[in-house]
């Protein structure tokens, strides 16, 4: 009698990968775990939110006499024209999350290319690239965004993501450049140079892998910047406000229709809490990655160990107990 063995059990690589993933998750700080879980929920809603919406986000009720509060049929209440706020939030999450990811991807690629190149080459190339980065750092981002987006076609998130990434890459480039300047003097990089390795191989296989945590933190910070900026731009009307397709547009219509003056708090509290939770997840994930990469910021640094009657943090020198000399 033969027993069928699953294919996964025959391939040891699958078991090793799952063990590595479990080990990485177990070693993550608590902040990073909480942020990753919340962000995972938002990614799920960004994918399936429009399908889960109970009503059409742009549907209105001509017989509506004003906004109504939360109820069983409308969990987040309705707008003054009968629109379901819960459906609008579910649909708006997709556009907001997608814009943040697109901007973070474009800006991080620019930051890594410019920062690593400037730090590794040094000299004149470093000065020229950092001069360009400094110019972008001092540009007034929000007024320039309003001017540029006013001339671009409003055809989705891509134009806004491109403009946000072009204006938001310089800070990450300077941080990555500083780290690259420190790494280029390490022994293994110098040894790779002496053996005749090409510059691009040293950058790709020796330097960038040691900057993964820094690049990830830059990605998350840029995504947070893009999400908050996009909400602000939609709030002031620099967005496609003809349809409810982002959380910022919900703020725009709530403000323009006098939701604050009329006491329709659910109209702006629901998208506000949604944006706040999304931003909190990114902040927690960023702090968690910082703690993972920097031993001084780990959770164990906040715990106290007891030596005798004195409470000492791990970052402090361990006290030496005085030996009592018996007469």
Protein backbone atom coordinates (compact mmCIF):
# COMPACT_ATOMS: atom_id res chain seq x y z
CA UNK A 1 0.00 0.00 0.00
CA UNK A 2 1.51 3.29 -1.11
CA UNK A 3 0.90 6.61 0.59
CA UNK A 4 0.84 9.81 -1.44
CA UNK A 5 3.26 12.35 -0.04
CA UNK A 6 2.46 16.04 -0.65
CA UNK A 7 4.79 17.79 -3.05
CA UNK A 8 5.52 20.49 -0.47
CA UNK A 9 6.86 17.85 1.92
CA UNK A 10 9.31 16.61 -0.72
CA UNK A 11 10.75 20.04 -1.40
CA UNK A 12 12.86 21.16 1.59
CA UNK A 13 13.12 24.67 0.18
CA UNK A 14 9.45 25.34 0.92
CA UNK A 15 9.92 24.40 4.56
CA UNK A 16 13.05 26.53 4.83
CA UNK A 17 11.26 29.55 3.32
CA UNK A 18 8.33 29.20 5.70
CA UNK A 19 10.71 28.91 8.64
CA UNK A 20 12.55 32.02 7.52
CA UNK A 21 9.31 33.97 7.20
CA UNK A 22 8.21 32.87 10.66
CA UNK A 23 11.61 33.81 12.06
CA UNK A 24 11.48 37.27 10.46
CA UNK A 25 7.96 37.85 11.79
CA UNK A 26 8.94 36.65 15.27
CA UNK A 27 11.94 38.99 15.38
CA UNK A 28 9.94 42.04 14.35
CA UNK A 29 9.24 44.58 17.12
CA UNK A 30 5.68 44.84 18.37
CA UNK A 31 5.24 48.23 16.70
CA UNK A 32 6.16 46.80 13.31
CA UNK A 33 3.77 43.87 13.76
CA UNK A 34 0.83 46.11 14.66
CA UNK A 35 1.62 48.50 11.79
CA UNK A 36 1.97 45.62 9.31
CA UNK A 37 -1.37 44.10 10.37
CA UNK A 38 -3.23 47.40 10.03
CA UNK A 39 -1.56 48.12 6.71
CA UNK A 40 -2.47 44.62 5.51
CA UNK A 41 -6.13 45.36 6.26
CA UNK A 42 -5.90 48.55 4.21
CA UNK A 43 -4.28 46.71 1.31
CA UNK A 44 -7.10 44.14 1.45
CA UNK A 45 -9.70 46.92 1.42
CA UNK A 46 -7.87 48.66 -1.43
CA UNK A 47 -8.21 45.50 -3.51
CA UNK A 48 -11.70 44.37 -2.54
CA UNK A 49 -13.22 47.57 -1.11
CA UNK A 50 -15.28 48.58 -4.17
CA UNK A 51 -16.65 45.03 -4.35
CA UNK A 52 -17.58 45.03 -0.66
CA UNK A 53 -19.28 48.46 -0.84
CA UNK A 54 -23.01 47.97 -0.22
CA UNK A 55 -24.00 50.96 -2.39
CA UNK A 56 -22.69 52.86 -5.36
CA UNK A 57 -20.29 55.50 -4.04
CA UNK A 58 -21.66 58.11 -6.47
CA UNK A 59 -25.34 57.23 -6.04
CA UNK A 60 -27.62 59.97 -4.68
CA UNK A 61 -31.18 60.10 -3.41
CA UNK A 62 -33.24 62.89 -4.95
CA UNK A 63 -35.71 62.65 -2.07
CA UNK A 64 -33.06 63.21 0.60
CA UNK A 65 -33.77 66.19 2.83
CA UNK A 66 -30.33 66.30 4.43
CA UNK A 67 -27.59 64.16 5.86
CA UNK A 68 -28.57 61.39 8.26
CA UNK A 69 -26.52 59.87 11.05
CA UNK A 70 -25.16 56.33 11.28
CA UNK A 71 -27.74 53.54 11.24
CA UNK A 72 -28.02 49.84 10.48
CA UNK A 73 -28.50 50.46 6.76
CA UNK A 74 -25.86 53.22 6.58
CA UNK A 75 -23.06 52.41 9.03
CA UNK A 76 -21.24 55.74 8.54
CA UNK A 77 -24.36 57.79 7.81
CA UNK A 78 -25.25 59.58 4.59
CA UNK A 79 -24.40 62.84 2.88
CA UNK A 80 -26.86 65.67 2.30
CA UNK A 81 -27.80 64.18 -1.10
CA UNK A 82 -28.30 60.65 0.23
CA UNK A 83 -24.90 59.17 -0.59
CA UNK A 84 -23.62 56.35 1.62
CA UNK A 85 -20.46 57.48 3.43
CA UNK A 86 -19.38 53.90 4.22
CA UNK A 87 -19.37 52.99 0.52
CA UNK A 88 -17.49 56.18 -0.32
CA UNK A 89 -14.80 55.34 2.26
CA UNK A 90 -14.39 51.78 0.95
CA UNK A 91 -14.00 53.04 -2.61
CA UNK A 92 -11.73 55.93 -1.60
CA UNK A 93 -9.23 53.70 0.20
CA UNK A 94 -8.10 52.14 -3.10
CA UNK A 95 -7.12 55.43 -4.72
CA UNK A 96 -5.40 56.75 -1.60
CA UNK A 97 -3.35 53.60 -0.95
CA UNK A 98 -2.46 53.22 -4.64
CA UNK A 99 -1.25 56.81 -4.84
CA UNK A 100 0.92 56.35 -1.76
CA UNK A 101 2.49 53.14 -3.09
CA UNK A 102 3.14 54.59 -6.56
CA UNK A 103 4.73 57.72 -5.16
CA UNK A 104 6.85 55.79 -2.68
CA UNK A 105 8.05 53.41 -5.41
CA UNK A 106 9.07 56.18 -7.83
CA UNK A 107 10.66 58.36 -5.15
CA UNK A 108 12.55 55.46 -3.56
CA UNK A 109 14.02 54.41 -6.90
CA UNK A 110 15.24 57.96 -7.48
CA UNK A 111 16.59 58.21 -3.93
CA UNK A 112 18.52 54.95 -4.17
CA UNK A 113 19.97 55.69 -7.62
CA UNK A 114 21.08 59.21 -6.75
CA UNK A 115 22.11 58.56 -3.14
CA UNK A 116 24.12 55.39 -3.75
CA UNK A 117 25.77 56.80 -6.88
CA UNK A 118 26.77 60.03 -5.14
CA UNK A 119 28.05 58.25 -2.04
CA UNK A 120 30.03 55.62 -3.90
CA UNK A 121 31.60 57.82 -6.57
CA UNK A 122 32.23 60.81 -4.27
CA UNK A 123 34.24 63.71 -5.66
CA UNK A 124 32.72 65.89 -8.37
CA UNK A 125 29.84 63.48 -9.07
CA UNK A 126 28.84 63.63 -5.41
CA UNK A 127 28.90 67.43 -5.35
CA UNK A 128 26.81 67.75 -8.53
CA UNK A 129 24.19 65.20 -7.47
CA UNK A 130 23.90 66.69 -3.99
CA UNK A 131 23.56 70.16 -5.48
CA UNK A 132 20.57 68.92 -7.47
CA UNK A 133 19.15 67.29 -4.32
CA UNK A 134 19.57 70.49 -2.34
CA UNK A 135 17.68 72.43 -5.00
CA UNK A 136 14.73 70.06 -4.71
CA UNK A 137 14.89 70.23 -0.92
CA UNK A 138 14.42 73.99 -0.82
CA UNK A 139 11.59 74.06 -3.37
CA UNK A 140 8.21 74.94 -1.84
CA UNK A 141 6.52 71.61 -2.44
CA UNK A 142 2.84 72.35 -1.81
CA UNK A 143 2.55 75.57 -3.89
CA UNK A 144 4.53 73.95 -6.70
CA UNK A 145 2.29 70.89 -6.56
CA UNK A 146 -0.82 73.03 -6.87
CA UNK A 147 0.62 74.85 -9.89
CA UNK A 148 1.87 71.72 -11.67
CA UNK A 149 -1.23 69.62 -11.04
CA UNK A 150 -3.38 72.46 -12.30
CA UNK A 151 -1.82 72.05 -15.77
CA UNK A 152 -1.65 68.25 -15.84
CA UNK A 153 -4.56 66.12 -17.07
CA UNK A 154 -6.54 64.67 -14.21
CA UNK A 155 -6.50 61.08 -15.43
CA UNK A 156 -6.01 59.07 -12.27
CA UNK A 157 -3.28 58.75 -9.69
CA UNK A 158 -0.28 58.52 -12.05
CA UNK A 159 0.25 62.27 -12.76
CA UNK A 160 -0.06 63.13 -9.07
CA UNK A 161 2.29 60.28 -8.10
CA UNK A 162 4.91 61.40 -10.63
CA UNK A 163 4.86 65.01 -9.39
CA UNK A 164 4.93 63.96 -5.73
CA UNK A 165 7.83 61.57 -6.32
CA UNK A 166 9.85 64.16 -8.26
CA UNK A 167 9.44 66.61 -5.38
CA UNK A 168 9.91 64.07 -2.57
CA UNK A 169 13.01 62.03 -3.41
CA UNK A 170 15.74 64.43 -2.27
CA UNK A 171 15.54 63.82 1.49
CA UNK A 172 15.86 60.05 1.11
CA UNK A 173 18.74 60.49 -1.34
CA UNK A 174 20.75 62.49 1.20
CA UNK A 175 20.21 59.91 3.94
CA UNK A 176 21.16 57.00 1.67
CA UNK A 177 24.20 58.93 0.42
CA UNK A 178 25.42 59.43 3.99
CA UNK A 179 25.09 55.72 4.69
CA UNK A 180 26.87 54.85 1.44
CA UNK A 181 29.80 57.11 2.34
CA UNK A 182 30.24 55.07 5.53
CA UNK A 183 29.90 51.71 3.78
CA UNK A 184 32.31 52.46 0.95
CA UNK A 185 35.17 52.50 3.45
CA UNK A 186 34.37 49.08 4.90
CA UNK A 187 36.86 46.27 4.48
CA UNK A 188 34.65 44.05 2.33
CA UNK A 189 33.98 46.91 -0.12
CA UNK A 190 37.67 47.74 -0.31
CA UNK A 191 38.47 44.06 -0.84
CA UNK A 192 35.94 43.86 -3.68
CA UNK A 193 37.59 46.86 -5.31
CA UNK A 194 41.04 45.30 -5.01
CA UNK A 195 39.85 42.09 -6.66
CA UNK A 196 38.67 44.04 -9.70
CA UNK A 197 34.92 43.91 -9.14
CA UNK A 198 32.95 46.34 -11.26
CA UNK A 199 31.35 49.31 -9.57
CA UNK A 200 27.79 48.26 -10.36
CA UNK A 201 28.36 44.81 -8.85
CA UNK A 202 29.78 46.32 -5.68
CA UNK A 203 26.81 48.68 -5.41
CA UNK A 204 24.19 46.00 -6.09
CA UNK A 205 25.66 43.09 -4.11
CA UNK A 206 27.73 44.74 -1.37
CA UNK A 207 26.28 48.16 -0.54
CA UNK A 208 22.53 48.10 -1.24
CA UNK A 209 21.87 44.85 0.75
CA UNK A 210 23.32 46.59 3.82
CA UNK A 211 20.95 49.53 3.36
CA UNK A 212 17.69 47.57 3.10
CA UNK A 213 16.30 48.80 6.42
CA UNK A 214 17.16 52.41 5.54
CA UNK A 215 15.58 52.09 2.09
CA UNK A 216 12.47 50.50 3.60
CA UNK A 217 12.16 53.36 6.10
CA UNK A 218 12.52 55.87 3.27
CA UNK A 219 9.82 54.04 1.29
CA UNK A 220 7.38 54.08 4.20
CA UNK A 221 8.07 57.73 5.02
CA UNK A 222 7.51 58.74 1.41
CA UNK A 223 4.26 56.78 1.25
CA UNK A 224 3.01 58.61 4.36
CA UNK A 225 4.02 61.95 2.88
CA UNK A 226 2.23 61.15 -0.39
CA UNK A 227 -0.98 60.02 1.30
CA UNK A 228 -1.26 63.08 3.52
CA UNK A 229 -0.33 65.44 0.68
CA UNK A 230 -2.84 63.86 -1.71
CA UNK A 231 -5.60 64.22 0.87
CA UNK A 232 -4.67 67.89 1.33
CA UNK A 233 -4.64 68.48 -2.43
CA UNK A 234 -8.05 66.89 -2.88
CA UNK A 235 -9.39 68.91 0.05
CA UNK A 236 -8.44 72.19 -1.62
CA UNK A 237 -9.90 71.00 -4.94
CA UNK A 238 -6.71 70.09 -6.84
CA UNK A 239 -8.05 66.68 -7.82
CA UNK A 240 -10.78 65.02 -9.83
CA UNK A 241 -13.73 65.90 -7.62
CA UNK A 242 -16.43 64.88 -10.10
CA UNK A 243 -16.44 61.35 -8.65
CA UNK A 244 -15.90 59.98 -5.15
CA UNK A 245 -12.64 58.13 -5.75
CA UNK A 246 -10.42 59.15 -2.83
CA UNK A 247 -10.67 60.00 0.85
CA UNK A 248 -9.60 63.59 0.20
CA UNK A 249 -12.56 64.13 -2.14
CA UNK A 250 -14.93 63.13 0.68
CA UNK A 251 -13.35 65.88 2.80
CA UNK A 252 -13.79 68.34 -0.07
CA UNK A 253 -17.52 67.70 -0.45
CA UNK A 254 -18.07 67.67 3.31
CA UNK A 255 -16.40 71.07 3.63
CA UNK A 256 -18.10 72.57 0.56
CA UNK A 257 -21.54 71.39 1.68
CA UNK A 258 -21.16 72.83 5.21
CA UNK A 259 -20.92 69.57 7.15
CA UNK A 260 -19.11 71.25 10.05
CA UNK A 261 -21.60 74.11 10.35
CA UNK A 262 -24.57 71.75 10.08
CA UNK A 263 -23.28 69.28 12.66
CA UNK A 264 -22.95 66.37 10.22
CA UNK A 265 -19.87 65.05 12.00
CA UNK A 266 -20.04 61.55 10.51
CA UNK A 267 -19.41 62.95 7.04
CA UNK A 268 -15.85 64.04 7.87
CA UNK A 269 -15.04 61.93 10.96
CA UNK A 270 -15.27 58.62 9.06
CA UNK A 271 -12.70 59.50 6.36
CA UNK A 272 -10.62 61.37 8.96
CA UNK A 273 -10.31 58.31 11.21
CA UNK A 274 -9.57 56.17 8.14
CA UNK A 275 -6.68 58.42 7.07
CA UNK A 276 -5.41 58.63 10.67
CA UNK A 277 -5.32 54.84 11.07
CA UNK A 278 -3.56 54.45 7.73
CA UNK A 279 -0.96 57.02 8.72
CA UNK A 280 -0.56 55.41 12.15
CA UNK A 281 0.12 52.02 10.57
CA UNK A 282 2.90 53.50 8.44
CA UNK A 283 4.40 55.36 11.41
CA UNK A 284 4.38 52.23 13.58
CA UNK A 285 5.93 50.19 10.80
CA UNK A 286 8.60 52.84 10.29
CA UNK A 287 9.43 52.98 14.01
CA UNK A 288 9.53 49.19 14.15
CA UNK A 289 11.99 48.99 11.27
CA UNK A 290 14.15 51.61 12.98
CA UNK A 291 14.20 49.54 16.16
CA UNK A 292 15.05 46.42 14.15
CA UNK A 293 18.00 48.09 12.46
CA UNK A 294 19.26 50.06 15.45
CA UNK A 295 19.94 48.02 18.62
CA UNK A 296 19.71 51.16 20.79
CA UNK A 297 16.07 51.65 19.74
CA UNK A 298 14.87 48.11 20.29
CA UNK A 299 12.20 47.30 22.82
CA UNK A 300 14.81 45.74 25.10
CA UNK A 301 16.45 49.14 25.45
CA UNK A 302 13.40 50.37 27.33
CA UNK A 303 13.45 47.52 29.80
CA UNK A 304 15.38 47.70 33.02
CA UNK A 305 17.55 44.98 34.44
CA UNK A 306 18.09 44.71 38.13
CA UNK A 307 21.59 44.60 39.63
CA UNK A 308 21.24 44.43 43.33
CA UNK A 309 18.83 47.20 44.29
CA UNK A 310 19.72 49.44 41.37
CA UNK A 311 17.67 49.44 38.14
CA UNK A 312 19.92 49.74 35.11
CA UNK A 313 19.00 50.07 31.44
CA UNK A 314 20.87 47.84 28.96
CA UNK A 315 22.43 50.93 27.38
CA UNK A 316 24.08 51.89 30.66
CA UNK A 317 27.33 50.29 31.79
CA UNK A 318 26.84 47.25 33.97
CA UNK A 319 27.75 48.11 37.55
CA UNK A 320 30.57 46.11 39.09
CA UNK A 321 29.71 44.65 42.43
CA UNK A 322 32.22 45.49 45.10
CA UNK A 323 33.72 42.45 46.71
CA UNK A 324 33.52 42.44 50.44
CA UNK A 325 36.88 41.63 51.94
CA UNK A 326 36.48 39.44 54.94
CA UNK A 327 38.81 40.26 57.75
